[in-house]
N, C-alpha and C. Protein backbone atom coordinates (compact mmCIF):
# COMPACT_ATOMS: atom_id res chain seq x y z
N MET A 1 12.99 177.74 134.39
CA MET A 1 13.63 177.96 132.61
C MET A 1 15.68 177.97 132.82
N TYR A 2 15.86 178.84 134.45
CA TYR A 2 17.36 179.10 134.81
C TYR A 2 17.80 177.64 135.44
N PHE A 3 16.57 177.22 136.37
CA PHE A 3 17.33 175.56 137.42
C PHE A 3 17.42 174.39 136.10
N ARG A 4 16.58 174.83 134.87
CA ARG A 4 16.51 173.45 133.97
C ARG A 4 18.26 174.08 133.41
N SER A 5 18.66 175.11 132.92
CA SER A 5 19.82 175.07 132.10
C SER A 5 21.10 174.78 133.24
N GLN A 6 20.92 175.49 134.18
CA GLN A 6 21.93 174.37 135.18
C GLN A 6 21.70 173.43 135.81
N LYS A 7 21.09 172.48 135.07
CA LYS A 7 21.31 171.14 135.50
C LYS A 7 21.69 170.58 134.48
N LYS A 8 21.68 171.21 133.43
CA LYS A 8 22.10 170.48 132.45
C LYS A 8 23.83 170.83 132.01
N LEU A 9 24.03 172.32 133.25
CA LEU A 9 25.50 172.21 132.73
C LEU A 9 26.29 171.69 134.39
N GLN A 10 25.65 170.83 135.13
CA GLN A 10 25.66 170.54 136.19
C GLN A 10 27.27 169.54 136.22
N GLY A 11 26.96 168.65 134.89
CA GLY A 11 27.99 167.72 135.00
C GLY A 11 29.40 168.05 134.09
N GLU A 12 29.57 169.65 133.24
CA GLU A 12 30.69 169.47 132.81
C GLU A 12 31.40 170.22 133.64
N VAL A 13 32.54 169.89 133.40
CA VAL A 13 33.85 170.62 133.77
C VAL A 13 34.91 171.11 133.07
N SER A 14 36.04 172.39 133.39
CA SER A 14 36.80 172.55 132.43
C SER A 14 38.04 172.34 132.48
N LEU A 15 38.55 172.36 131.52
CA LEU A 15 40.23 171.94 131.73
C LEU A 15 40.86 173.07 132.44
N SER A 16 40.41 173.75 132.84
CA SER A 16 41.24 174.74 134.03
C SER A 16 41.28 174.62 135.10
N ASP A 17 39.70 173.61 135.32
CA ASP A 17 39.13 173.17 136.78
C ASP A 17 40.17 172.68 137.45
N SER A 18 40.62 173.14 138.89
CA SER A 18 41.83 172.42 140.09
C SER A 18 40.77 171.17 140.34
N ILE A 19 41.85 169.89 140.18
CA ILE A 19 41.56 168.86 140.67
C ILE A 19 41.75 168.21 142.08
N ASP A 20 42.77 168.69 142.23
CA ASP A 20 44.53 168.26 143.34
C ASP A 20 45.12 169.59 143.67
N THR A 21 46.35 169.28 144.44
CA THR A 21 47.51 169.47 144.30
C THR A 21 48.42 169.05 144.35
N ASP A 22 49.37 169.94 143.93
CA ASP A 22 50.64 168.37 143.65
C ASP A 22 51.72 168.68 145.43
N LYS A 23 52.73 167.80 145.46
CA LYS A 23 53.20 168.16 146.57
C LYS A 23 54.01 169.45 147.06
N GLU A 24 53.91 170.27 146.16
CA GLU A 24 54.01 171.65 146.31
C GLU A 24 53.14 172.85 146.60
N GLY A 25 52.08 172.31 146.90
CA GLY A 25 50.62 173.11 147.19
C GLY A 25 50.05 173.44 146.24
N ASN A 26 50.51 173.59 144.82
CA ASN A 26 50.42 174.19 143.63
C ASN A 26 49.02 173.16 143.03
N ALA A 27 48.21 174.30 142.80
CA ALA A 27 46.68 173.33 142.02
C ALA A 27 47.28 172.63 140.62
N LEU A 28 46.70 171.52 140.64
CA LEU A 28 46.93 170.69 139.85
C LEU A 28 45.39 170.23 139.08
N GLN A 29 45.61 171.19 137.56
CA GLN A 29 44.26 171.00 136.66
C GLN A 29 44.09 170.04 135.88
N LEU A 30 42.99 169.94 135.24
CA LEU A 30 42.48 168.78 134.51
C LEU A 30 43.94 168.77 132.96
N MET A 31 43.46 169.56 132.57
CA MET A 31 44.49 169.95 131.49
C MET A 31 46.07 169.65 131.82
N ASP A 32 46.48 169.49 133.07
CA ASP A 32 47.80 168.77 133.18
C ASP A 32 48.21 167.45 133.42
N VAL A 33 47.05 166.94 133.39
CA VAL A 33 46.88 165.43 133.53
C VAL A 33 45.89 164.64 132.35
N VAL A 34 45.63 165.29 131.55
CA VAL A 34 44.95 165.31 130.06
C VAL A 34 46.02 165.36 129.07
N GLY A 35 46.64 164.30 128.78
CA GLY A 35 47.30 164.40 127.62
C GLY A 35 46.87 164.23 126.49
N VAL A 36 47.84 164.50 125.15
CA VAL A 36 47.95 163.95 124.01
C VAL A 36 48.94 163.50 123.94
N ASP A 37 48.89 162.57 123.15
CA ASP A 37 50.49 161.62 122.53
C ASP A 37 51.04 162.71 121.31
N ASP A 38 51.95 162.74 120.94
CA ASP A 38 52.28 163.40 119.71
C ASP A 38 52.44 163.16 118.54
N THR A 39 52.08 162.00 118.44
CA THR A 39 51.76 161.52 117.15
C THR A 39 50.27 160.82 116.45
N MET A 40 49.51 161.63 117.58
CA MET A 40 48.01 161.00 117.62
C MET A 40 47.10 161.80 116.77
N LEU A 41 47.87 163.08 116.23
CA LEU A 41 46.76 163.49 115.35
C LEU A 41 47.46 163.03 113.96
N GLU A 42 48.79 162.93 113.61
CA GLU A 42 49.44 162.24 112.94
C GLU A 42 48.63 160.84 111.92
N ASP A 43 48.08 160.00 113.10
CA ASP A 43 48.02 158.86 112.98
C ASP A 43 46.47 158.67 112.63
N LEU A 44 45.81 159.43 113.38
CA LEU A 44 44.49 160.00 112.87
C LEU A 44 44.56 160.55 111.58
N HIS A 45 45.31 160.86 110.77
CA HIS A 45 45.22 161.41 109.50
C HIS A 45 45.63 160.56 108.82
N ASP A 46 46.61 159.43 109.08
CA ASP A 46 47.06 158.28 108.64
C ASP A 46 45.71 157.26 108.20
N ARG A 47 45.15 157.25 109.21
CA ARG A 47 44.26 156.56 109.26
C ARG A 47 42.82 156.99 108.31
N ASP A 48 42.56 157.85 108.48
CA ASP A 48 41.48 158.80 107.90
C ASP A 48 41.81 158.61 105.89
N SER A 49 43.35 158.92 105.86
CA SER A 49 44.05 159.14 104.39
C SER A 49 43.69 156.95 103.96
N ALA A 50 43.79 155.99 105.05
CA ALA A 50 43.89 154.90 104.10
C ALA A 50 42.86 154.65 104.00
N ILE A 51 41.81 155.13 104.96
CA ILE A 51 39.95 154.71 104.73
C ILE A 51 39.59 155.53 103.27
N ARG A 52 40.06 156.52 103.49
CA ARG A 52 39.61 157.20 101.85
C ARG A 52 40.37 156.56 100.93
N LEU A 53 41.59 156.03 100.82
CA LEU A 53 42.19 155.26 99.47
C LEU A 53 41.46 154.06 99.20
N HIS A 54 41.28 153.53 100.61
CA HIS A 54 40.29 152.12 100.05
C HIS A 54 39.33 152.36 99.60
N GLN A 55 38.50 153.46 100.31
CA GLN A 55 37.17 153.89 99.27
C GLN A 55 37.43 153.92 97.29
N LEU A 56 38.50 154.87 97.55
CA LEU A 56 38.71 155.57 96.51
C LEU A 56 38.98 154.19 95.51
N ILE A 57 39.46 153.01 95.97
CA ILE A 57 39.97 151.93 95.15
C ILE A 57 38.23 151.25 94.92
N ARG A 58 37.41 151.09 96.14
CA ARG A 58 36.57 150.29 95.56
C ARG A 58 35.22 151.18 94.42
N GLU A 59 35.61 152.29 94.80
CA GLU A 59 34.62 153.29 94.19
C GLU A 59 35.16 153.52 92.64
N ARG A 60 36.32 153.96 92.36
CA ARG A 60 36.89 154.23 90.92
C ARG A 60 37.49 153.19 90.33
N LEU A 61 37.82 152.18 90.87
CA LEU A 61 38.73 151.42 90.06
C LEU A 61 37.80 149.79 89.68
N THR A 62 38.01 149.47 88.82
CA THR A 62 37.79 147.85 88.16
C THR A 62 38.34 147.03 89.32
N ALA A 63 37.50 145.77 89.01
CA ALA A 63 37.97 144.82 90.03
C ALA A 63 39.43 144.56 89.87
N ARG A 64 39.86 144.54 88.35
CA ARG A 64 40.89 143.86 87.64
C ARG A 64 42.16 145.02 88.32
N GLU A 65 41.41 146.22 88.23
CA GLU A 65 42.48 147.65 88.58
C GLU A 65 42.86 147.40 90.29
N ALA A 66 42.23 147.17 91.09
CA ALA A 66 41.82 147.30 92.30
C ALA A 66 42.79 146.05 92.66
N GLU A 67 42.32 145.12 92.08
CA GLU A 67 43.34 143.74 92.62
C GLU A 67 44.60 143.79 92.13
N ILE A 68 45.71 144.54 91.19
CA ILE A 68 46.39 144.74 91.09
C ILE A 68 47.35 145.78 91.62
N ILE A 69 46.61 147.26 91.95
CA ILE A 69 47.13 147.58 93.01
C ILE A 69 47.18 146.90 94.63
N ARG A 70 46.23 146.35 94.94
CA ARG A 70 46.47 145.66 96.07
C ARG A 70 47.55 144.53 96.07
N LEU A 71 47.66 144.11 95.09
CA LEU A 71 48.98 142.77 94.66
C LEU A 71 50.30 143.82 94.56
N ARG A 72 50.51 144.44 94.05
CA ARG A 72 51.64 145.39 93.56
C ARG A 72 52.12 146.37 94.94
N TYR A 73 51.44 146.85 95.70
CA TYR A 73 51.71 147.75 96.83
C TYR A 73 51.02 146.59 98.60
N GLY A 74 51.02 145.41 98.14
CA GLY A 74 50.40 144.48 99.44
C GLY A 74 49.56 145.29 100.08
N LEU A 75 48.16 145.98 99.83
CA LEU A 75 47.42 146.24 100.83
C LEU A 75 46.64 144.85 101.04
N GLY A 76 46.08 145.05 102.40
CA GLY A 76 45.36 143.78 102.81
C GLY A 76 46.34 142.89 103.50
N GLY A 77 47.11 143.03 103.88
CA GLY A 77 47.87 142.46 104.81
C GLY A 77 48.96 141.38 103.87
N THR A 78 48.72 141.64 102.39
CA THR A 78 49.80 140.56 101.66
C THR A 78 51.18 141.19 101.65
N VAL A 79 51.72 140.73 100.68
CA VAL A 79 53.17 140.63 100.73
C VAL A 79 53.06 141.63 99.11
N PRO A 80 54.10 142.65 98.92
CA PRO A 80 53.96 143.49 97.71
C PRO A 80 54.54 142.41 96.65
N LEU A 81 53.97 142.61 95.52
CA LEU A 81 54.84 141.70 94.35
C LEU A 81 55.17 142.46 93.41
N THR A 82 56.07 141.90 92.51
CA THR A 82 56.91 142.53 91.29
C THR A 82 55.13 142.64 90.39
N GLN A 83 55.99 143.88 89.33
CA GLN A 83 54.93 143.77 87.91
C GLN A 83 54.74 142.30 87.07
N ARG A 84 56.24 141.72 87.34
CA ARG A 84 56.75 140.34 86.76
C ARG A 84 55.46 139.26 87.54
N GLU A 85 55.40 139.46 88.42
CA GLU A 85 54.75 138.38 89.67
C GLU A 85 53.61 138.65 89.78
N VAL A 86 52.95 139.79 89.49
CA VAL A 86 51.40 140.02 88.88
C VAL A 86 51.11 139.77 87.66
N ALA A 87 52.05 139.83 86.61
CA ALA A 87 51.64 139.46 85.43
C ALA A 87 51.32 138.12 85.10
N SER A 88 52.03 137.13 86.34
CA SER A 88 52.52 136.07 85.64
C SER A 88 51.20 135.34 86.52
N SER A 89 51.02 135.89 87.43
CA SER A 89 49.04 135.05 88.18
C SER A 89 47.66 135.89 87.24
N PHE A 90 48.41 136.68 86.81
CA PHE A 90 46.89 137.05 85.72
C PHE A 90 47.13 136.75 84.03
N GLY A 91 48.47 136.02 84.23
CA GLY A 91 48.65 135.69 82.57
C GLY A 91 48.45 136.83 81.67
N ILE A 92 49.44 137.94 81.96
CA ILE A 92 49.18 138.92 81.04
C ILE A 92 50.75 139.18 80.88
N SER A 93 50.99 140.32 80.57
CA SER A 93 53.17 140.47 80.08
C SER A 93 52.96 141.87 81.41
N ARG A 94 53.84 141.69 81.30
CA ARG A 94 54.41 143.10 82.89
C ARG A 94 54.30 144.24 82.04
N SER A 95 54.59 144.78 80.80
CA SER A 95 53.91 146.22 80.01
C SER A 95 52.30 146.09 80.32
N TYR A 96 51.48 145.56 80.29
CA TYR A 96 50.25 145.29 80.41
C TYR A 96 49.91 145.79 81.83
N VAL A 97 50.54 144.79 82.75
CA VAL A 97 50.91 145.30 84.29
C VAL A 97 50.86 146.98 84.53
N SER A 98 51.84 147.33 84.05
CA SER A 98 52.71 148.35 84.20
C SER A 98 51.19 149.58 83.50
N ARG A 99 50.94 149.03 82.73
CA ARG A 99 49.64 150.09 81.75
C ARG A 99 48.35 150.10 82.69
N ILE A 100 47.72 149.07 83.43
CA ILE A 100 46.76 149.28 84.18
C ILE A 100 47.12 149.55 85.60
N GLU A 101 48.21 149.72 85.58
CA GLU A 101 49.23 150.42 87.45
C GLU A 101 49.04 151.71 87.20
N LYS A 102 49.60 152.24 86.07
CA LYS A 102 49.78 153.36 85.99
C LYS A 102 48.20 154.21 85.61
N ARG A 103 47.11 153.68 85.12
CA ARG A 103 46.21 153.97 84.80
C ARG A 103 45.25 154.37 86.37
N ALA A 104 45.48 153.43 86.98
CA ALA A 104 44.45 152.97 88.49
C ALA A 104 45.39 153.96 89.12
N LEU A 105 46.51 154.08 89.21
CA LEU A 105 47.40 155.44 90.19
C LEU A 105 46.13 156.68 89.87
N GLU A 106 46.48 156.95 88.58
CA GLU A 106 46.18 158.24 88.18
C GLU A 106 44.45 158.93 88.77
N LYS A 107 43.70 157.44 88.70
CA LYS A 107 42.60 157.49 88.86
C LYS A 107 42.42 158.14 90.48
N LEU A 108 43.44 157.21 91.08
CA LEU A 108 42.95 157.36 92.82
C LEU A 108 43.47 158.69 93.07
N ARG A 109 44.68 159.36 92.51
CA ARG A 109 45.74 160.22 92.43
C ARG A 109 44.39 161.36 92.50
N ALA A 110 43.65 161.34 91.60
CA ALA A 110 42.66 162.33 90.99
C ALA A 110 41.50 162.94 92.29
N GLY A 111 41.25 161.29 92.65
CA GLY A 111 40.41 161.22 93.32
C GLY A 111 40.89 161.45 94.86
N LEU A 112 41.74 161.54 95.26
CA LEU A 112 42.67 161.73 96.31
C LEU A 112 42.62 163.72 96.28
N SER A 113 43.55 164.34 95.25
CA SER A 113 43.50 165.46 95.21
C SER A 113 41.76 166.67 95.30
N GLY A 114 41.06 165.42 94.66
CA GLY A 114 39.56 166.21 94.37
C GLY A 114 39.15 166.55 96.06
N PRO A 115 37.39 166.64 95.53
CA PRO A 115 36.60 167.03 96.95
C PRO A 115 36.38 165.50 97.21
N ALA A 116 35.73 165.14 97.96
CA ALA A 116 35.49 164.14 98.92
C ALA A 116 34.67 162.77 97.79
N CYS A 117 35.08 161.71 98.09
CA CYS A 117 34.92 160.64 96.83
C CYS A 117 33.30 160.94 96.45
N SER A 118 33.23 160.42 94.88
CA SER A 118 31.79 160.16 94.75
C SER A 118 31.79 158.67 94.59
N LYS A 119 29.87 158.59 94.52
CA LYS A 119 29.27 157.35 94.40
C LYS A 119 29.73 156.92 92.68
N LYS A 120 30.24 157.72 91.61
CA LYS A 120 29.98 157.22 90.29
C LYS A 120 31.74 157.39 89.71
N HIS A 121 31.82 156.49 89.03
CA HIS A 121 33.06 156.20 88.61
C HIS A 121 33.56 157.46 87.31
N PRO A 122 34.74 158.17 86.96
CA PRO A 122 34.75 158.43 85.72
C PRO A 122 34.04 158.61 84.58
N THR A 123 33.63 157.66 84.12
CA THR A 123 32.80 157.00 83.56
C THR A 123 31.63 157.49 83.48
N GLY A 124 31.06 157.46 84.55
CA GLY A 124 29.58 157.51 85.02
C GLY A 124 28.87 156.36 85.31
N GLN A 125 29.57 155.63 85.35
CA GLN A 125 29.08 154.14 85.93
C GLN A 125 28.92 154.12 87.35
N ASN A 126 27.40 153.52 88.04
CA ASN A 126 27.60 153.64 89.10
C ASN A 126 29.07 152.67 89.97
N SER A 127 29.10 152.98 91.29
CA SER A 127 30.31 152.21 91.93
C SER A 127 30.22 150.64 91.92
N HIS A 128 28.89 150.22 91.86
CA HIS A 128 27.83 148.90 91.94
C HIS A 128 27.58 148.29 90.64
N SER A 129 28.01 149.11 89.94
CA SER A 129 27.42 148.26 88.38
C SER A 129 28.16 147.07 87.57
N SER A 130 28.03 146.07 87.29
CA SER A 130 29.01 144.81 87.02
C SER A 130 30.06 145.63 86.03
N ARG A 131 31.08 144.80 86.36
CA ARG A 131 32.05 145.57 85.15
C ARG A 131 32.84 144.10 84.66
N THR A 132 33.27 144.37 83.34
CA THR A 132 34.19 142.88 83.14
C THR A 132 35.12 143.37 82.50
N PRO A 133 36.28 142.85 82.85
CA PRO A 133 37.62 143.09 82.97
C PRO A 133 38.25 143.78 81.52
N THR A 134 38.73 143.78 80.67
CA THR A 134 39.26 144.44 79.26
C THR A 134 40.97 144.15 79.19
N HIS A 135 41.16 143.46 78.32
CA HIS A 135 42.80 143.64 77.78
C HIS A 135 43.10 144.53 77.30
């Protein structure tokens, strides 16, 4: 038993293990050469937030709301459009785009501030149910 457990630990190293010596004869430890970029944690957080936002868009918004948010904020590599430009492309009024955008942002805000995304819409609909856009 002892030999098996030691064999499992054979490949493990500690960050404080000495791996070399520098020019002055000081021990060079693994933690001295393994670095973390200052922005790495922020980048990971931003990436996770973006993933969660896209998940919320898919799960909580209607097809029309999702498309308006994508167009307004330039998601998916597109150029952000004004409410007037979005209204023109949908054939609806600018004020209606504003109301749809406001409602969609409220849904996203609620999803971001709440627990992990659920698979159901606040209306109880399944995220993959068919929806017909309403005016």
